Protein backbone atom coordinates (compact mmCIF):
# COMPACT_ATOMS: atom_id res chain seq x y z
CA UNK A 1 43.95 -104.93 -48.01
CA UNK A 2 40.93 -103.17 -46.51
CA UNK A 3 42.37 -103.39 -43.00
CA UNK A 4 44.72 -100.60 -43.85
CA UNK A 5 41.76 -98.26 -44.15
CA UNK A 6 39.60 -99.25 -41.19
CA UNK A 7 38.99 -96.31 -38.87
CA UNK A 8 39.28 -96.46 -35.11
CA UNK A 9 36.23 -96.04 -32.87
CA UNK A 10 36.63 -92.25 -32.66
CA UNK A 11 36.90 -91.89 -36.45
CA UNK A 12 40.61 -91.17 -36.44
CA UNK A 13 43.57 -93.27 -37.41
CA UNK A 14 45.74 -94.61 -34.57
CA UNK A 15 49.15 -92.96 -34.24
CA UNK A 16 50.90 -95.90 -35.95
CA UNK A 17 48.33 -96.24 -38.77
CA UNK A 18 47.97 -94.24 -41.97
CA UNK A 19 44.77 -94.11 -44.00
CA UNK A 20 45.15 -95.55 -47.50
CA UNK A 21 42.90 -95.72 -50.52
CA UNK A 22 41.16 -99.11 -50.50
CA UNK A 23 41.61 -99.41 -54.26
CA UNK A 24 45.05 -98.09 -55.31
CA UNK A 25 46.70 -98.02 -51.88
CA UNK A 26 47.88 -94.43 -51.99
CA UNK A 27 48.38 -92.98 -48.51
CA UNK A 28 46.61 -89.90 -47.22
CA UNK A 29 48.91 -86.90 -46.93
CA UNK A 30 49.09 -83.15 -47.22
CA UNK A 31 48.27 -83.27 -50.92
CA UNK A 32 46.06 -86.38 -50.86
CA UNK A 33 42.63 -86.18 -49.24
CA UNK A 34 40.72 -89.43 -48.92
CA UNK A 35 36.93 -89.55 -48.78
CA UNK A 36 34.68 -92.05 -47.03
CA UNK A 37 32.76 -94.73 -48.87
CA UNK A 38 29.71 -93.18 -50.51
CA UNK A 39 27.36 -95.56 -48.68
CA UNK A 40 28.66 -94.40 -45.29
CA UNK A 41 29.82 -97.82 -44.12
CA UNK A 42 32.77 -96.14 -42.33
CA UNK A 43 35.05 -99.02 -43.25
CA UNK A 44 37.05 -97.73 -46.20
CA UNK A 45 38.25 -94.55 -47.90
CA UNK A 46 39.09 -93.64 -51.48
CA UNK A 47 41.26 -91.08 -53.21
CA UNK A 48 38.87 -90.62 -56.15
CA UNK A 49 35.49 -91.58 -57.59
CA UNK A 50 37.29 -93.79 -60.10
CA UNK A 51 38.96 -95.80 -57.32
CA UNK A 52 35.66 -96.16 -55.48
CA UNK A 53 33.93 -97.42 -58.62
CA UNK A 54 36.74 -99.87 -59.37
CA UNK A 55 36.77 -101.26 -55.82
CA UNK A 56 32.98 -101.44 -55.50
CA UNK A 57 32.55 -105.10 -56.61
CA UNK A 58 35.03 -106.27 -53.96
CA UNK A 59 33.59 -104.08 -51.21
CA UNK A 60 29.85 -104.20 -51.97
CA UNK A 61 28.86 -107.19 -49.84
CA UNK A 62 30.88 -106.09 -46.83
CA UNK A 63 29.59 -102.54 -47.25
CA UNK A 64 25.92 -103.54 -47.32
CA UNK A 65 26.37 -105.69 -44.23
CA UNK A 66 28.08 -102.88 -42.33
CA UNK A 67 25.51 -100.24 -43.39
CA UNK A 68 22.68 -102.51 -42.20
CA UNK A 69 24.48 -103.04 -38.90
CA UNK A 70 24.95 -99.31 -38.34
CA UNK A 71 21.32 -98.67 -39.26
CA UNK A 72 20.11 -101.21 -36.70
CA UNK A 73 22.35 -99.72 -34.02
CA UNK A 74 20.66 -96.38 -34.64
CA UNK A 75 17.17 -97.86 -35.00
CA UNK A 76 17.22 -99.91 -31.80
CA UNK A 77 18.80 -97.29 -29.58
CA UNK A 78 16.57 -96.26 -26.68
CA UNK A 79 15.58 -92.62 -27.11
CA UNK A 80 13.44 -89.97 -25.48
CA UNK A 81 9.96 -89.13 -26.70
CA UNK A 82 9.94 -86.68 -29.60
CA UNK A 83 7.33 -84.66 -27.72
CA UNK A 84 9.70 -83.72 -24.92
CA UNK A 85 8.41 -81.90 -21.83
CA UNK A 86 5.63 -79.41 -21.35
CA UNK A 87 7.38 -76.01 -21.39
CA UNK A 88 5.35 -74.82 -18.39
CA UNK A 89 5.24 -77.65 -15.83
CA UNK A 90 8.35 -79.37 -17.28
CA UNK A 91 6.75 -82.80 -16.99
CA UNK A 92 6.91 -85.23 -19.93
CA UNK A 93 4.11 -84.62 -22.39
CA UNK A 94 1.55 -87.40 -22.64
CA UNK A 95 1.68 -89.59 -25.74
CA UNK A 96 -2.07 -89.21 -26.28
CA UNK A 97 -2.39 -86.21 -28.65
CA UNK A 98 -5.85 -85.44 -27.29
CA UNK A 99 -4.28 -84.59 -23.93
CA UNK A 100 -1.97 -81.93 -25.34
CA UNK A 101 -2.66 -78.77 -27.30
CA UNK A 102 -0.71 -76.47 -29.58
CA UNK A 103 -1.14 -72.74 -30.09
CA UNK A 104 -0.28 -71.16 -33.42
CA UNK A 105 1.36 -68.13 -31.79
CA UNK A 106 4.46 -69.97 -30.51
CA UNK A 107 3.98 -73.59 -31.65
CA UNK A 108 4.60 -74.80 -28.12
CA UNK A 109 2.84 -78.02 -27.16
CA UNK A 110 1.10 -77.52 -23.80
CA UNK A 111 -0.16 -80.33 -21.60
CA UNK A 112 -3.83 -80.51 -20.64
CA UNK A 113 -3.00 -79.78 -16.99
CA UNK A 114 -1.32 -76.45 -17.72
CA UNK A 115 -3.96 -75.52 -20.25
CA UNK A 116 -6.67 -76.30 -17.72
CA UNK A 117 -4.89 -74.45 -14.93
CA UNK A 118 -4.52 -71.33 -17.08
CA UNK A 119 -8.28 -71.17 -17.50
CA UNK A 120 -7.93 -71.25 -21.27
CA UNK A 121 -10.89 -73.59 -21.58
CA UNK A 122 -13.14 -71.36 -19.54
CA UNK A 123 -12.35 -67.83 -20.70
CA UNK A 124 -13.43 -66.43 -24.03
CA UNK A 125 -10.70 -63.78 -23.99
CA UNK A 126 -7.46 -65.28 -22.82
CA UNK A 127 -3.79 -65.61 -23.62
CA UNK A 128 -1.46 -68.42 -24.56
CA UNK A 129 -0.31 -70.11 -21.33
CA UNK A 130 3.29 -70.00 -22.54
CA UNK A 131 4.03 -66.85 -24.57
CA UNK A 132 1.02 -64.84 -23.31
CA UNK A 133 0.03 -63.89 -26.85
CA UNK A 134 -3.73 -63.22 -27.14
CA UNK A 135 -5.61 -66.25 -28.35
CA UNK A 136 -6.77 -65.66 -31.95
CA UNK A 137 -10.46 -64.98 -32.38
CA UNK A 138 -10.67 -66.25 -35.96
CA UNK A 139 -9.12 -68.86 -38.22
CA UNK A 140 -7.63 -66.11 -40.38
CA UNK A 141 -5.79 -64.67 -37.38
CA UNK A 142 -4.59 -68.13 -36.36
CA UNK A 143 -3.35 -68.72 -39.92
CA UNK A 144 -1.33 -65.50 -39.84
CA UNK A 145 0.31 -66.57 -36.59
CA UNK A 146 1.03 -70.00 -38.02
CA UNK A 147 2.64 -68.62 -41.18
CA UNK A 148 4.91 -66.42 -39.06
CA UNK A 149 6.19 -69.56 -37.35
CA UNK A 150 6.63 -71.37 -40.66
CA UNK A 151 8.68 -68.48 -42.07
CA UNK A 152 11.23 -69.03 -39.29
CA UNK A 153 11.35 -72.75 -40.16
CA UNK A 154 9.36 -74.05 -37.19
CA UNK A 155 8.77 -77.77 -37.97
CA UNK A 156 5.91 -78.10 -35.48
CA UNK A 157 4.04 -75.30 -37.25
CA UNK A 158 4.73 -76.99 -40.58
CA UNK A 159 3.35 -80.28 -39.26
CA UNK A 160 0.29 -78.57 -37.81
CA UNK A 161 -0.49 -76.85 -41.12
CA UNK A 162 0.30 -80.02 -43.08
CA UNK A 163 -2.17 -82.02 -41.04
CA UNK A 164 -4.85 -79.36 -41.29
CA UNK A 165 -4.46 -79.35 -45.08
CA UNK A 166 -4.77 -83.14 -44.98
CA UNK A 167 -8.02 -82.96 -43.02
CA UNK A 168 -9.28 -80.35 -45.50
CA UNK A 169 -8.54 -82.72 -48.39
CA UNK A 170 -5.62 -80.67 -49.77
CA UNK A 171 -3.25 -83.63 -49.89
CA UNK A 172 -0.61 -82.07 -52.15
CA UNK A 173 -0.08 -79.09 -49.85
CA UNK A 174 -0.17 -81.42 -46.87
CA UNK A 175 2.65 -83.57 -48.22
CA UNK A 176 4.63 -80.42 -49.06
CA UNK A 177 4.60 -79.07 -45.51
CA UNK A 178 5.07 -82.45 -43.85
CA UNK A 179 8.03 -83.24 -46.08
CA UNK A 180 9.54 -79.84 -45.34
CA UNK A 181 9.15 -80.47 -41.60
CA UNK A 182 11.01 -83.79 -41.89
CA UNK A 183 13.99 -81.87 -43.26
CA UNK A 184 14.24 -80.34 -39.79
CA UNK A 185 14.04 -83.76 -38.15
CA UNK A 186 10.39 -83.67 -37.04
CA UNK A 187 9.45 -87.22 -36.04
CA UNK A 188 5.74 -86.42 -35.99
CA UNK A 189 5.82 -85.42 -39.65
CA UNK A 190 7.68 -88.61 -40.57
CA UNK A 191 4.88 -90.57 -38.88
CA UNK A 192 2.13 -88.70 -40.70
CA UNK A 193 3.89 -89.22 -44.04
CA UNK A 194 4.07 -92.95 -43.27
CA UNK A 195 0.29 -92.96 -42.88
CA UNK A 196 -0.16 -90.99 -46.09
CA UNK A 197 2.02 -93.40 -48.09
CA UNK A 198 0.07 -96.30 -46.61
CA UNK A 199 -3.31 -94.82 -47.53
CA UNK A 200 -2.25 -93.32 -50.86
CA UNK A 201 -4.03 -89.97 -50.43
CA UNK A 202 -2.35 -87.40 -52.67
CA UNK A 203 0.52 -89.80 -53.40
CA UNK A 204 0.93 -93.28 -54.79
CA UNK A 205 0.91 -96.01 -52.19
CA UNK A 206 4.49 -96.87 -51.43
CA UNK A 207 5.39 -99.49 -48.79
CA UNK A 208 9.09 -98.71 -49.03
CA UNK A 209 8.53 -95.02 -48.27
CA UNK A 210 6.03 -95.92 -45.57
CA UNK A 211 8.58 -98.15 -43.87
CA UNK A 212 11.31 -95.52 -44.25
CA UNK A 213 9.22 -92.80 -42.60
CA UNK A 214 8.16 -95.15 -39.81
CA UNK A 215 11.81 -95.92 -39.09
CA UNK A 216 12.80 -92.25 -39.15
CA UNK A 217 9.91 -91.41 -36.82
CA UNK A 218 10.90 -94.24 -34.45
CA UNK A 219 14.52 -93.11 -34.41
CA UNK A 220 13.28 -89.63 -33.56
CA UNK A 221 11.31 -90.90 -30.55
CA UNK A 222 7.80 -91.50 -31.92
CA UNK A 223 6.37 -94.32 -29.79
CA UNK A 224 3.36 -95.07 -32.03
CA UNK A 225 5.59 -95.34 -35.09
CA UNK A 226 7.84 -97.78 -33.25
CA UNK A 227 4.83 -99.80 -32.12
CA UNK A 228 3.64 -100.00 -35.74
CA UNK A 229 7.09 -101.11 -36.87
CA UNK A 230 6.91 -103.87 -34.32
CA UNK A 231 3.62 -105.02 -35.79
CA UNK A 232 5.05 -105.09 -39.30
CA UNK A 233 8.11 -107.02 -38.15
CA UNK A 234 5.90 -109.51 -36.30
CA UNK A 235 3.82 -110.12 -39.42
CA UNK A 236 7.06 -110.67 -41.36
CA UNK A 237 8.03 -113.33 -38.78
CA UNK A 238 10.96 -111.24 -37.53
CA UNK A 239 9.69 -111.50 -34.02
CA UNK A 240 12.97 -110.66 -32.32
CA UNK A 241 12.99 -107.27 -34.02
CA UNK A 242 9.32 -106.74 -33.16
CA UNK A 243 10.02 -107.35 -29.48
CA UNK A 244 12.89 -104.85 -29.52
CA UNK A 245 10.60 -102.19 -30.95
CA UNK A 246 7.86 -102.85 -28.42
CA UNK A 247 10.28 -102.75 -25.48
CA UNK A 248 11.55 -99.33 -26.56
CA UNK A 249 7.99 -98.04 -27.06
CA UNK A 250 6.95 -99.42 -23.65
CA UNK A 251 9.89 -97.60 -22.08
CA UNK A 252 8.41 -94.41 -23.53
CA UNK A 253 5.08 -95.15 -21.84
CA UNK A 254 2.99 -96.55 -24.71
CA UNK A 255 0.37 -98.91 -23.29
CA UNK A 256 -0.40 -100.65 -26.61
CA UNK A 257 3.21 -101.85 -26.77
CA UNK A 258 2.81 -103.40 -23.33
CA UNK A 259 -0.19 -105.33 -24.65
CA UNK A 260 1.89 -106.51 -27.61
CA UNK A 261 4.71 -107.57 -25.29
CA UNK A 262 2.24 -109.56 -23.23
CA UNK A 263 1.22 -111.44 -26.38
CA UNK A 264 4.89 -111.94 -27.26
CA UNK A 265 5.52 -113.29 -23.75
CA UNK A 266 2.68 -115.80 -24.11
CA UNK A 267 4.17 -116.76 -27.46
CA UNK A 268 7.55 -117.38 -25.83
CA UNK A 269 9.30 -114.53 -27.66
CA UNK A 270 10.38 -112.60 -24.56
CA UNK A 271 11.65 -113.89 -21.22
CA UNK A 272 9.78 -113.32 -17.98
CA UNK A 273 12.62 -111.15 -16.69
CA UNK A 274 12.72 -108.90 -19.74
CA UNK A 275 8.94 -108.61 -19.79
CA UNK A 276 8.99 -107.58 -16.12
CA UNK A 277 11.69 -104.99 -16.82
CA UNK A 278 9.62 -103.54 -19.66
CA UNK A 279 6.56 -103.32 -17.39
CA UNK A 280 8.54 -101.47 -14.73
CA UNK A 281 9.95 -99.05 -17.28
CA UNK A 282 6.46 -98.44 -18.69
CA UNK A 283 5.06 -97.74 -15.23
CA UNK A 284 7.93 -95.38 -14.44
CA UNK A 285 7.26 -93.43 -17.65
CA UNK A 286 3.53 -93.29 -16.89
CA UNK A 287 4.14 -92.08 -13.33
CA UNK A 288 6.58 -89.40 -14.51
CA UNK A 289 3.84 -87.87 -16.66
CA UNK A 290 1.25 -87.62 -13.85
CA UNK A 291 0.26 -84.44 -12.04
CA UNK A 292 -2.74 -83.22 -10.02
CA UNK A 293 -3.45 -80.60 -12.71
CA UNK A 294 -3.57 -83.23 -15.45
CA UNK A 295 -5.83 -85.44 -13.33
CA UNK A 296 -8.17 -82.50 -12.76
CA UNK A 297 -8.20 -81.67 -16.48
CA UNK A 298 -9.15 -85.26 -17.27
CA UNK A 299 -11.94 -85.24 -14.67
CA UNK A 300 -13.24 -81.93 -16.02
CA UNK A 301 -13.21 -83.26 -19.58
CA UNK A 302 -15.07 -86.37 -18.43
CA UNK A 303 -17.74 -84.19 -16.78
CA UNK A 304 -18.17 -82.16 -19.97
CA UNK A 305 -18.56 -85.32 -22.07
CA UNK A 306 -21.02 -86.77 -19.56
CA UNK A 307 -23.23 -83.66 -19.75
CA UNK A 308 -23.38 -83.67 -23.55
């Protein structure tokens, strides 16, 4: 009887319940330690590998259903952006990577407004707006700074170097550093690996791995990854899942997800009320990331482009 082994919501047995092996029925005690199901369904426990193997045929279907349910609960949970806030102005970083910058000295991602306000774009000899380390004057110096950050297991530095290796055509090294960064939970590296497994540069094309890395990136707060997942689900005719992804991405401030939700609304896949709620959440996220310094940086960049 599996009910004897079901855990309570906080992972502990109620006072009047004793955990028992789902296969042989032996109760947990001072000399008997039960272990969770190997697939992490959180439904049953076993006293040994032999009991787990014996009980597997009876439990397999229920286990797979529960694991999928738990995965979806994690996948469709609203989260914060993986980028976080600018460490200087403390405003949410913009989702557009071109409007943020990273310095190899500290691996801090700085918004365009703070970078512009520091005068970093205008001075040849300047310092990092965050850690005040002198800006490197050569690629070799920047590389030394970057490797110092990697030695202390900085995932952002690993991602930065991984992407630079990718742009240089060194795909094997790129995958190495990006994979290492994912071990520290870096959502940006998961997203880049998803692209690599889609394109097949340096690795064999693998849709399963692509989908896995997109999901891990989305769980970590990567709005573009979640938007892409929505597109894949829509193409697979799982439109309800696509809409969930796009709502979460819109809540993070991604405009392309709003466009997708508008199409879903016209297709009758999302109610008017839920579409309106998503629009309000998107606008709130966009407003939270605005500042006079960022507006000025954008105007200055536009003037530079116009004069080219």
